[in-house]
Amino acid sequence: MSYHGFYDLCINFDGQNKENLRRLLSRLYEMGYRTVAINQPLDESALEVEKKKKKKGEKAENTDPLATVVNPFDVEDVKKEFKGKLSILSRLTFTFSDTAKTYTLGQSNGLKKFDLYGVMPKNQAALQFACSQLNVDIVTINSTSGSFKFTRKLYLQAVERGVHFEVRYADAIERSTRKTAIHYAHLFYVYGKSRNVIVSSGTGDYSRIRNPYDIINLCALFGLSEVKAKAAVLGQCHHLILKAEGRHFGKAVFAIKITDESPASDGDSEDEDESEDDISSSKKKMKL
């Protein structure tokens, strides 16, 4: 799949109203977006599945206990409708406070069905874990909470690991979350010149979708220059998707074979000539 044009990697969808989703995607396409991600939120409470006591002699079922919880929304019909217009990805955003829940989710085969994996920490410990250890693509800081202590160390740790931070412009539009959203966006700039920062809509409301050039202008409030703002909806998003694909395939080792078409004797003679010239020049310098 090829990825091009402007990106919006956080389109919220409730899994029910596909007509509203079609309307959102049509508007995004008309505005110049070409790659979008349908976001599926998942709270850690959904993973609290009680283990059923098995009767004596009953065989244990070898199935994924989260198969009914962690699955992308069925939007294949929508993808076919927009084929050739939009590259539509699936995204899971996990909201958590207990770091052990991320391990449970990581063991589920359902997670592999999503193209992008993002998290939204609920507390300081979860934020530190997401930035320093968790194998995740995107970290979104909840703008409804102002209790996080986000430091330069956490930011740089995440950037070095290839993690991207997300700024949702819907939070900057909303009056109740505007101050917090702009505050964290400025910290990204102060701590590391907004490296690995992407800007998404973070909404499922048709009326809140904005033109990408309006977003670039809005990024001035986040401390981003015009170049950085364009990167936040273009290059950084593309880099994020490539990193996510690498997470899916895991680590790989490859070798590059370099062949020299010129004859070996020619190369040797050139080396000899160069070495002789160097020796003669050094002798002249010594005489001077």
C-alpha atoms as a PDB file:
ATOM      1  CA  MET A   1       0.000   0.000   0.000  1.00  0.00           C
ATOM      2  CA  SER A   2       1.338   3.428  -0.930  1.00  0.00           C
ATOM      3  CA  TYR A   3       1.030   6.369   1.435  1.00  0.00           C
ATOM      4  CA  HIS A   4       0.926   9.902   0.090  1.00  0.00           C
ATOM      5  CA  GLY A   5      -0.769  13.267   0.502  1.00  0.00           C
ATOM      6  CA  PHE A   6      -1.710  14.736   3.874  1.00  0.00           C
ATOM      7  CA  TYR A   7      -2.275  12.440   6.843  1.00  0.00           C
ATOM      8  CA  ASP A   8      -4.860  12.278   9.611  1.00  0.00           C
ATOM      9  CA  LEU A   9      -4.008   9.310  11.791  1.00  0.00           C
ATOM     10  CA  CYS A  10      -6.791   9.650  14.355  1.00  0.00           C
ATOM     11  CA  ILE A  11     -10.364   9.541  13.061  1.00  0.00           C
ATOM     12  CA  ASN A  12     -12.574   8.359  15.910  1.00  0.00           C
ATOM     13  CA  PHE A  13     -15.283   5.838  15.083  1.00  0.00           C
ATOM     14  CA  ASP A  14     -17.792   4.174  17.396  1.00  0.00           C
ATOM     15  CA  GLY A  15     -18.135   1.088  15.225  1.00  0.00           C
ATOM     16  CA  GLN A  16     -21.819   1.739  14.530  1.00  0.00           C
ATOM     17  CA  ASN A  17     -22.618   4.807  12.431  1.00  0.00           C
ATOM     18  CA  LYS A  18     -20.947   4.064   9.097  1.00  0.00           C
ATOM     19  CA  GLU A  19     -22.852   6.821   7.340  1.00  0.00           C
ATOM     20  CA  ASN A  20     -21.166   9.369   9.578  1.00  0.00           C
ATOM     21  CA  LEU A  21     -17.826   7.675   8.865  1.00  0.00           C
ATOM     22  CA  ARG A  22     -18.419   7.931   5.114  1.00  0.00           C
ATOM     23  CA  ARG A  23     -19.244  11.588   5.520  1.00  0.00           C
ATOM     24  CA  LEU A  24     -16.029  12.152   7.478  1.00  0.00           C
ATOM     25  CA  LEU A  25     -13.891  10.341   4.926  1.00  0.00           C
ATOM     26  CA  SER A  26     -15.481  12.212   2.021  1.00  0.00           C
ATOM     27  CA  ARG A  27     -14.727  15.525   3.695  1.00  0.00           C
ATOM     28  CA  LEU A  28     -11.149  14.495   4.397  1.00  0.00           C
ATOM     29  CA  TYR A  29     -10.645  13.494   0.779  1.00  0.00           C
ATOM     30  CA  GLU A  30     -12.102  16.768  -0.503  1.00  0.00           C
ATOM     31  CA  MET A  31      -9.718  18.699   1.757  1.00  0.00           C
ATOM     32  CA  GLY A  32      -6.639  16.957   0.411  1.00  0.00           C
ATOM     33  CA  TYR A  33      -6.031  14.162   2.908  1.00  0.00           C
ATOM     34  CA  ARG A  34      -4.968  10.895   1.343  1.00  0.00           C
ATOM     35  CA  THR A  35      -3.992   8.654   4.271  1.00  0.00           C
ATOM     36  CA  VAL A  36      -6.197   8.298   7.346  1.00  0.00           C
ATOM     37  CA  ALA A  37      -6.375   5.953  10.333  1.00  0.00           C
ATOM     38  CA  ILE A  38      -9.672   4.887  11.886  1.00  0.00           C
ATOM     39  CA  ASN A  39      -9.066   5.007  15.624  1.00  0.00           C
ATOM     40  CA  GLN A  40     -10.573   2.431  17.953  1.00  0.00           C
ATOM     41  CA  PRO A  41     -10.276   3.377  21.660  1.00  0.00           C
ATOM     42  CA  LEU A  42      -9.836   0.616  24.224  1.00  0.00           C
ATOM     43  CA  ASP A  43      -9.854   1.127  27.994  1.00  0.00           C
ATOM     44  CA  GLU A  44      -7.959  -1.223  30.285  1.00  0.00           C
ATOM     45  CA  SER A  45     -11.202  -2.153  32.035  1.00  0.00           C
ATOM     46  CA  ALA A  46     -12.172  -4.139  28.927  1.00  0.00           C
ATOM     47  CA  LEU A  47      -9.283  -6.533  29.620  1.00  0.00           C
ATOM     48  CA  GLU A  48     -10.567  -7.509  33.039  1.00  0.00           C
ATOM     49  CA  VAL A  49     -11.963 -10.809  31.877  1.00  0.00           C
ATOM     50  CA  GLU A  50     -12.755 -13.266  34.654  1.00  0.00           C
ATOM     51  CA  LYS A  51     -11.198 -16.658  34.209  1.00  0.00           C
ATOM     52  CA  LYS A  52     -13.816 -19.348  34.103  1.00  0.00           C
ATOM     53  CA  LYS A  53     -13.213 -22.308  36.373  1.00  0.00           C
ATOM     54  CA  LYS A  54     -12.899 -25.425  34.298  1.00  0.00           C
ATOM     55  CA  LYS A  55     -14.490 -28.674  35.337  1.00  0.00           C
ATOM     56  CA  LYS A  56     -12.362 -31.669  36.139  1.00  0.00           C
ATOM     57  CA  GLY A  57     -11.217 -33.396  32.961  1.00  0.00           C
ATOM     58  CA  GLU A  58     -12.280 -30.509  30.716  1.00  0.00           C
ATOM     59  CA  LYS A  59      -9.729 -29.592  28.068  1.00  0.00           C
ATOM     60  CA  ALA A  60      -8.422 -26.042  28.080  1.00  0.00           C
ATOM     61  CA  GLU A  61      -9.349 -24.112  24.982  1.00  0.00           C
ATOM     62  CA  ASN A  62      -6.347 -22.829  23.066  1.00  0.00           C
ATOM     63  CA  THR A  63      -7.907 -19.516  22.059  1.00  0.00           C
ATOM     64  CA  ASP A  64      -7.088 -15.858  22.493  1.00  0.00           C
ATOM     65  CA  PRO A  65      -9.012 -14.665  25.586  1.00  0.00           C
ATOM     66  CA  LEU A  66      -9.158 -11.150  24.101  1.00  0.00           C
ATOM     67  CA  ALA A  67     -10.373 -12.202  20.659  1.00  0.00           C
ATOM     68  CA  THR A  68     -13.788 -10.647  21.202  1.00  0.00           C
ATOM     69  CA  VAL A  69     -12.320  -7.466  22.696  1.00  0.00           C
ATOM     70  CA  VAL A  70      -9.317  -6.605  20.516  1.00  0.00           C
ATOM     71  CA  ASN A  71     -10.489  -6.672  16.901  1.00  0.00           C
ATOM     72  CA  PRO A  72     -10.600  -3.889  14.307  1.00  0.00           C
ATOM     73  CA  PHE A  73     -13.989  -2.549  13.323  1.00  0.00           C
ATOM     74  CA  ASP A  74     -15.449  -4.143  10.212  1.00  0.00           C
ATOM     75  CA  VAL A  75     -15.094  -1.367   7.634  1.00  0.00           C
ATOM     76  CA  GLU A  76     -14.088  -3.402   4.604  1.00  0.00           C
ATOM     77  CA  ASP A  77     -17.070  -2.094   2.646  1.00  0.00           C
ATOM     78  CA  VAL A  78     -15.985   1.477   3.399  1.00  0.00           C
ATOM     79  CA  LYS A  79     -12.412   0.727   2.324  1.00  0.00           C
ATOM     80  CA  LYS A  80     -13.644  -0.654  -0.990  1.00  0.00           C
ATOM     81  CA  GLU A  81     -15.789   2.427  -1.501  1.00  0.00           C
ATOM     82  CA  PHE A  82     -12.801   4.760  -1.053  1.00  0.00           C
ATOM     83  CA  LYS A  83     -10.271   2.552  -2.812  1.00  0.00           C
ATOM     84  CA  GLY A  84      -8.031   4.659  -5.020  1.00  0.00           C
ATOM     85  CA  LYS A  85      -8.936   7.781  -3.055  1.00  0.00           C
ATOM     86  CA  LEU A  86      -7.856   7.134   0.518  1.00  0.00           C
ATOM     87  CA  SER A  87      -5.399   4.754   2.148  1.00  0.00           C
ATOM     88  CA  ILE A  88      -7.360   3.692   5.250  1.00  0.00           C
ATOM     89  CA  LEU A  89      -5.471   2.216   8.203  1.00  0.00           C
ATOM     90  CA  SER A  90      -6.699   0.723  11.467  1.00  0.00           C
ATOM     91  CA  ARG A  91      -5.487   2.072  14.792  1.00  0.00           C
ATOM     92  CA  LEU A  92      -5.911   0.996  18.400  1.00  0.00           C
ATOM     93  CA  THR A  93      -5.462   3.517  21.222  1.00  0.00           C
ATOM     94  CA  PHE A  94      -5.151   1.844  24.615  1.00  0.00           C
ATOM     95  CA  THR A  95      -5.930   3.912  27.721  1.00  0.00           C
ATOM     96  CA  PHE A  96      -4.255   2.459  30.792  1.00  0.00           C
ATOM     97  CA  SER A  97      -2.872   3.044  34.274  1.00  0.00           C
ATOM     98  CA  ASP A  98      -1.756  -0.514  35.103  1.00  0.00           C
ATOM     99  CA  THR A  99       1.394  -1.355  33.137  1.00  0.00           C
ATOM    100  CA  ALA A 100       0.704  -5.083  33.493  1.00  0.00           C
ATOM    101  CA  LYS A 101      -2.357  -4.659  31.282  1.00  0.00           C
ATOM    102  CA  THR A 102      -0.120  -3.650  28.380  1.00  0.00           C
ATOM    103  CA  TYR A 103       1.614  -7.024  28.637  1.00  0.00           C
ATOM    104  CA  THR A 104      -1.758  -8.787  28.503  1.00  0.00           C
ATOM    105  CA  LEU A 105      -2.706  -6.786  25.422  1.00  0.00           C
ATOM    106  CA  GLY A 106       0.679  -7.399  23.830  1.00  0.00           C
ATOM    107  CA  GLN A 107       0.130 -11.168  24.029  1.00  0.00           C
ATOM    108  CA  SER A 108      -3.154 -10.943  22.134  1.00  0.00           C
ATOM    109  CA  ASN A 109      -3.129 -11.838  18.461  1.00  0.00           C
ATOM    110  CA  GLY A 110      -5.815  -9.212  18.006  1.00  0.00           C
ATOM    111  CA  LEU A 111      -3.238  -6.441  18.413  1.00  0.00           C
ATOM    112  CA  LYS A 112      -1.415  -7.629  15.290  1.00  0.00           C
ATOM    113  CA  LYS A 113      -4.513  -6.888  13.229  1.00  0.00           C
ATOM    114  CA  PHE A 114      -4.087  -3.133  13.761  1.00  0.00           C
ATOM    115  CA  ASP A 115      -1.761  -1.057  11.592  1.00  0.00           C
ATOM    116  CA  LEU A 116      -1.021   1.456  14.358  1.00  0.00           C
ATOM    117  CA  TYR A 117      -0.790   0.997  18.119  1.00  0.00           C
ATOM    118  CA  GLY A 118      -1.148   4.047  20.350  1.00  0.00           C
ATOM    119  CA  VAL A 119      -1.516   4.547  24.081  1.00  0.00           C
ATOM    120  CA  MET A 120      -2.992   7.225  26.313  1.00  0.00           C
ATOM    121  CA  PRO A 121      -1.541   6.968  29.842  1.00  0.00           C
ATOM    122  CA  LYS A 122      -3.801   7.699  32.809  1.00  0.00           C
ATOM    123  CA  ASN A 123      -1.104   8.396  35.399  1.00  0.00           C
ATOM    124  CA  GLN A 124       2.562   9.304  35.770  1.00  0.00           C
ATOM    125  CA  ALA A 125       3.795   5.696  36.057  1.00  0.00           C
ATOM    126  CA  ALA A 126       1.981   4.742  32.852  1.00  0.00           C
ATOM    127  CA  LEU A 127       3.477   7.734  31.022  1.00  0.00           C
ATOM    128  CA  GLN A 128       7.005   6.849  32.143  1.00  0.00           C
ATOM    129  CA  PHE A 129       6.525   3.224  31.105  1.00  0.00           C
ATOM    130  CA  ALA A 130       5.145   4.184  27.687  1.00  0.00           C
ATOM    131  CA  CYS A 131       8.052   6.534  26.982  1.00  0.00           C
ATOM    132  CA  SER A 132      10.874   4.330  28.243  1.00  0.00           C
ATOM    133  CA  GLN A 133       9.881   0.677  27.689  1.00  0.00           C
ATOM    134  CA  LEU A 134       6.617   0.015  25.875  1.00  0.00           C
ATOM    135  CA  ASN A 135       6.844  -1.071  22.221  1.00  0.00           C
ATOM    136  CA  VAL A 136       4.271   1.363  20.876  1.00  0.00           C
ATOM    137  CA  ASP A 137       3.936   3.683  17.872  1.00  0.00           C
ATOM    138  CA  ILE A 138       2.146   6.691  19.353  1.00  0.00           C
ATOM    139  CA  VAL A 139       1.849   8.281  22.792  1.00  0.00           C
ATOM    140  CA  THR A 140      -1.022  10.716  23.302  1.00  0.00           C
ATOM    141  CA  ILE A 141      -1.084  12.776  26.481  1.00  0.00           C
ATOM    142  CA  ASN A 142      -4.620  13.167  27.758  1.00  0.00           C
ATOM    143  CA  SER A 143      -5.537  16.851  27.576  1.00  0.00           C
ATOM    144  CA  THR A 144      -8.308  16.395  30.136  1.00  0.00           C
ATOM    145  CA  SER A 145      -5.696  15.734  32.804  1.00  0.00           C
ATOM    146  CA  GLY A 146      -3.075  18.234  33.922  1.00  0.00           C
ATOM    147  CA  SER A 147      -1.383  16.043  36.539  1.00  0.00           C
ATOM    148  CA  PHE A 148       1.447  14.675  34.383  1.00  0.00           C
ATOM    149  CA  LYS A 149       5.045  15.698  34.958  1.00  0.00           C
ATOM    150  CA  PHE A 150       6.460  15.483  31.459  1.00  0.00           C
ATOM    151  CA  THR A 151      10.244  15.906  31.450  1.00  0.00           C
ATOM    152  CA  ARG A 152      12.952  16.308  28.833  1.00  0.00           C
ATOM    153  CA  LYS A 153      14.353  12.907  29.805  1.00  0.00           C
ATOM    154  CA  LEU A 154      11.077  11.131  29.069  1.00  0.00           C
ATOM    155  CA  TYR A 155      10.710  12.937  25.760  1.00  0.00           C
ATOM    156  CA  LEU A 156      14.230  12.097  24.562  1.00  0.00           C
ATOM    157  CA  GLN A 157      13.919   8.472  25.692  1.00  0.00           C
ATOM    158  CA  ALA A 158      10.796   8.059  23.596  1.00  0.00           C
ATOM    159  CA  VAL A 159      12.278   9.828  20.551  1.00  0.00           C
ATOM    160  CA  GLU A 160      15.393   7.640  20.624  1.00  0.00           C
ATOM    161  CA  ARG A 161      13.162   4.556  20.622  1.00  0.00           C
ATOM    162  CA  GLY A 162      11.218   5.824  17.609  1.00  0.00           C
ATOM    163  CA  VAL A 163       8.027   6.620  19.525  1.00  0.00           C
ATOM    164  CA  HIS A 164       5.929   9.498  18.161  1.00  0.00           C
ATOM    165  CA  PHE A 165       3.892  11.981  20.193  1.00  0.00           C
ATOM    166  CA  GLU A 166       0.482  13.050  19.007  1.00  0.00           C
ATOM    167  CA  VAL A 167      -1.126  16.482  19.257  1.00  0.00           C
ATOM    168  CA  ARG A 168      -4.867  16.416  18.588  1.00  0.00           C
ATOM    169  CA  TYR A 169      -6.068  19.707  17.205  1.00  0.00           C
ATOM    170  CA  ALA A 170      -9.637  18.956  18.326  1.00  0.00           C
ATOM    171  CA  ASP A 171      -8.349  19.407  21.884  1.00  0.00           C
ATOM    172  CA  ALA A 172      -6.932  22.796  20.928  1.00  0.00           C
ATOM    173  CA  ILE A 173     -10.306  23.835  19.478  1.00  0.00           C
ATOM    174  CA  GLU A 174     -12.242  22.722  22.548  1.00  0.00           C
ATOM    175  CA  ARG A 175     -12.209  25.448  25.214  1.00  0.00           C
ATOM    176  CA  SER A 176     -12.010  23.050  28.190  1.00  0.00           C
ATOM    177  CA  THR A 177      -8.885  21.261  26.896  1.00  0.00           C
ATOM    178  CA  ARG A 178      -7.227  24.048  24.884  1.00  0.00           C
ATOM    179  CA  LYS A 179      -4.819  25.229  27.577  1.00  0.00           C
ATOM    180  CA  THR A 180      -3.488  21.755  28.392  1.00  0.00           C
ATOM    181  CA  ALA A 181      -3.137  20.716  24.743  1.00  0.00           C
ATOM    182  CA  ILE A 182      -1.121  23.819  23.873  1.00  0.00           C
ATOM    183  CA  HIS A 183       0.987  23.413  27.026  1.00  0.00           C
ATOM    184  CA  TYR A 184       2.187  19.907  26.129  1.00  0.00           C
ATOM    185  CA  ALA A 185       2.692  20.865  22.485  1.00  0.00           C
ATOM    186  CA  HIS A 186       5.024  23.650  23.638  1.00  0.00           C
ATOM    187  CA  LEU A 187       6.939  21.183  25.837  1.00  0.00           C
ATOM    188  CA  PHE A 188       7.610  19.029  22.763  1.00  0.00           C
ATOM    189  CA  TYR A 189       9.160  22.077  21.112  1.00  0.00           C
ATOM    190  CA  VAL A 190      11.187  23.181  24.151  1.00  0.00           C
ATOM    191  CA  TYR A 191      12.540  19.703  24.893  1.00  0.00           C
ATOM    192  CA  GLY A 192      13.458  18.630  21.372  1.00  0.00           C
ATOM    193  CA  LYS A 193      12.319  21.028  18.638  1.00  0.00           C
ATOM    194  CA  SER A 194       9.123  18.961  18.151  1.00  0.00           C
ATOM    195  CA  ARG A 195      10.911  15.886  16.840  1.00  0.00           C
ATOM    196  CA  ASN A 196       8.629  12.870  16.296  1.00  0.00           C
ATOM    197  CA  VAL A 197       5.493  14.980  16.701  1.00  0.00           C
ATOM    198  CA  ILE A 198       2.419  14.398  14.562  1.00  0.00           C
ATOM    199  CA  VAL A 199      -0.811  16.410  14.442  1.00  0.00           C
ATOM    200  CA  SER A 200      -4.146  14.587  14.067  1.00  0.00           C
ATOM    201  CA  SER A 201      -7.768  15.592  14.364  1.00  0.00           C
ATOM    202  CA  GLY A 202      -8.661  13.208  17.188  1.00  0.00           C
ATOM    203  CA  THR A 203     -12.356  13.579  16.514  1.00  0.00           C
ATOM    204  CA  GLY A 204     -15.327  11.842  14.961  1.00  0.00           C
ATOM    205  CA  ASP A 205     -17.259  15.082  14.630  1.00  0.00           C
ATOM    206  CA  TYR A 206     -17.709  16.150  11.023  1.00  0.00           C
ATOM    207  CA  SER A 207     -17.806  19.849  11.939  1.00  0.00           C
ATOM    208  CA  ARG A 208     -14.370  19.780  13.589  1.00  0.00           C
ATOM    209  CA  ILE A 209     -12.401  18.531  10.601  1.00  0.00           C
ATOM    210  CA  ARG A 210     -10.076  21.242   9.317  1.00  0.00           C
ATOM    211  CA  ASN A 211      -8.197  21.850   6.094  1.00  0.00           C
ATOM    212  CA  PRO A 212      -4.512  20.732   6.346  1.00  0.00           C
ATOM    213  CA  TYR A 213      -3.321  24.260   5.560  1.00  0.00           C
ATOM    214  CA  ASP A 214      -5.470  25.587   8.394  1.00  0.00           C
ATOM    215  CA  ILE A 215      -3.783  23.020  10.633  1.00  0.00           C
ATOM    216  CA  ILE A 216      -0.359  24.235   9.508  1.00  0.00           C
ATOM    217  CA  ASN A 217      -1.359  27.777  10.525  1.00  0.00           C
ATOM    218  CA  LEU A 218      -2.799  26.490  13.803  1.00  0.00           C
ATOM    219  CA  CYS A 219       0.521  24.815  14.588  1.00  0.00           C
ATOM    220  CA  ALA A 220       1.981  28.263  15.268  1.00  0.00           C
ATOM    221  CA  LEU A 221       0.139  28.033  18.602  1.00  0.00           C
ATOM    222  CA  PHE A 222       2.063  24.823  19.293  1.00  0.00           C
ATOM    223  CA  GLY A 223       5.415  26.503  18.719  1.00  0.00           C
ATOM    224  CA  LEU A 224       5.952  24.854  15.331  1.00  0.00           C
ATOM    225  CA  SER A 225       7.523  26.635  12.393  1.00  0.00           C
ATOM    226  CA  GLU A 226       5.946  26.252   8.960  1.00  0.00           C
ATOM    227  CA  VAL A 227       8.462  23.535   8.051  1.00  0.00           C
ATOM    228  CA  LYS A 228       7.829  21.605  11.279  1.00  0.00           C
ATOM    229  CA  ALA A 229       4.083  22.035  10.897  1.00  0.00           C
ATOM    230  CA  LYS A 230       4.110  20.540   7.399  1.00  0.00           C
ATOM    231  CA  ALA A 231       6.235  17.666   8.668  1.00  0.00           C
ATOM    232  CA  ALA A 232       3.671  17.001  11.424  1.00  0.00           C
ATOM    233  CA  VAL A 233       0.980  16.207   8.827  1.00  0.00           C
ATOM    234  CA  LEU A 234       3.284  14.808   6.140  1.00  0.00           C
ATOM    235  CA  GLY A 235       6.812  13.470   6.662  1.00  0.00           C
ATOM    236  CA  GLN A 236       6.580  12.555  10.334  1.00  0.00           C
ATOM    237  CA  CYS A 237       3.361  10.618   9.729  1.00  0.00           C
ATOM    238  CA  HIS A 238       4.972   8.708   6.869  1.00  0.00           C
ATOM    239  CA  HIS A 239       7.975   7.904   9.067  1.00  0.00           C
ATOM    240  CA  LEU A 240       5.616   6.729  11.815  1.00  0.00           C
ATOM    241  CA  ILE A 241       3.816   4.302   9.489  1.00  0.00           C
ATOM    242  CA  LEU A 242       7.110   2.826   8.281  1.00  0.00           C
ATOM    243  CA  LYS A 243       8.186   2.367  11.896  1.00  0.00           C
ATOM    244  CA  ALA A 244       4.883   0.660  12.681  1.00  0.00           C
ATOM    245  CA  GLU A 245       5.379  -1.732   9.776  1.00  0.00           C
ATOM    246  CA  GLY A 246       8.792  -2.584  11.207  1.00  0.00           C
ATOM    247  CA  ARG A 247       7.166  -3.349  14.562  1.00  0.00           C
ATOM    248  CA  HIS A 248       4.814  -5.788  12.830  1.00  0.00           C
ATOM    249  CA  PHE A 249       7.610  -7.694  11.102  1.00  0.00           C
ATOM    250  CA  GLY A 250      10.051  -7.528  14.000  1.00  0.00           C
ATOM    251  CA  LYS A 251      13.809  -7.302  13.708  1.00  0.00           C
ATOM    252  CA  ALA A 252      15.417  -8.401  10.460  1.00  0.00           C
ATOM    253  CA  VAL A 253      18.990  -8.849   9.297  1.00  0.00           C
ATOM    254  CA  PHE A 254      20.018  -8.267   5.706  1.00  0.00           C
ATOM    255  CA  ALA A 255      23.299  -8.056   3.810  1.00  0.00           C
ATOM    256  CA  ILE A 256      24.323  -5.803   0.951  1.00  0.00           C
ATOM    257  CA  LYS A 257      26.801  -7.153  -1.593  1.00  0.00           C
ATOM    258  CA  ILE A 258      28.904  -4.512  -3.322  1.00  0.00           C
ATOM    259  CA  THR A 259      30.622  -5.533  -6.550  1.00  0.00           C
ATOM    260  CA  ASP A 260      33.442  -3.665  -8.244  1.00  0.00           C
ATOM    261  CA  GLU A 261      33.103  -3.763 -12.030  1.00  0.00           C
ATOM    262  CA  SER A 262      36.603  -2.431 -12.659  1.00  0.00           C
ATOM    263  CA  PRO A 263      39.477  -4.957 -12.951  1.00  0.00           C
ATOM    264  CA  ALA A 264      41.395  -5.613  -9.776  1.00  0.00           C
ATOM    265  CA  SER A 265      44.730  -4.853 -11.459  1.00  0.00           C
ATOM    266  CA  ASP A 266      43.556  -1.351 -12.398  1.00  0.00           C
ATOM    267  CA  GLY A 267      42.542  -0.614  -8.859  1.00  0.00           C
ATOM    268  CA  ASP A 268      45.861  -1.854  -7.528  1.00  0.00           C
ATOM    269  CA  SER A 269      47.846   0.287  -9.954  1.00  0.00           C
ATOM    270  CA  GLU A 270      45.824   3.352  -8.997  1.00  0.00           C
ATOM    271  CA  ASP A 271      46.541   2.725  -5.349  1.00  0.00           C
ATOM    272  CA  GLU A 272      50.243   2.294  -6.107  1.00  0.00           C
ATOM    273  CA  ASP A 273      50.343   5.508  -8.140  1.00  0.00           C
ATOM    274  CA  GLU A 274      48.614   7.434  -5.385  1.00  0.00           C
ATOM    275  CA  SER A 275      50.966   6.076  -2.754  1.00  0.00           C
ATOM    276  CA  GLU A 276      54.051   6.989  -4.847  1.00  0.00           C
ATOM    277  CA  ASP A 277      52.763  10.530  -5.387  1.00  0.00           C
ATOM    278  CA  ASP A 278      52.157  10.878  -1.677  1.00  0.00           C
ATOM    279  CA  ILE A 279      55.697   9.716  -0.901  1.00  0.00           C
ATOM    280  CA  SER A 280      57.284  12.077  -3.429  1.00  0.00           C
ATOM    281  CA  SER A 281      55.261  15.041  -2.193  1.00  0.00           C
ATOM    282  CA  SER A 282      56.208  14.299   1.384  1.00  0.00           C
ATOM    283  CA  LYS A 283      59.896  14.190   0.420  1.00  0.00           C
ATOM    284  CA  LYS A 284      59.608  17.637  -1.218  1.00  0.00           C
ATOM    285  CA  LYS A 285      58.025  19.013   1.897  1.00  0.00           C
ATOM    286  CA  MET A 286      60.869  17.637   3.997  1.00  0.00           C
ATOM    287  CA  LYS A 287      63.458  19.282   1.745  1.00  0.00           C
ATOM    288  CA  LEU A 288      61.725  22.637   2.102  1.00  0.00           C
END
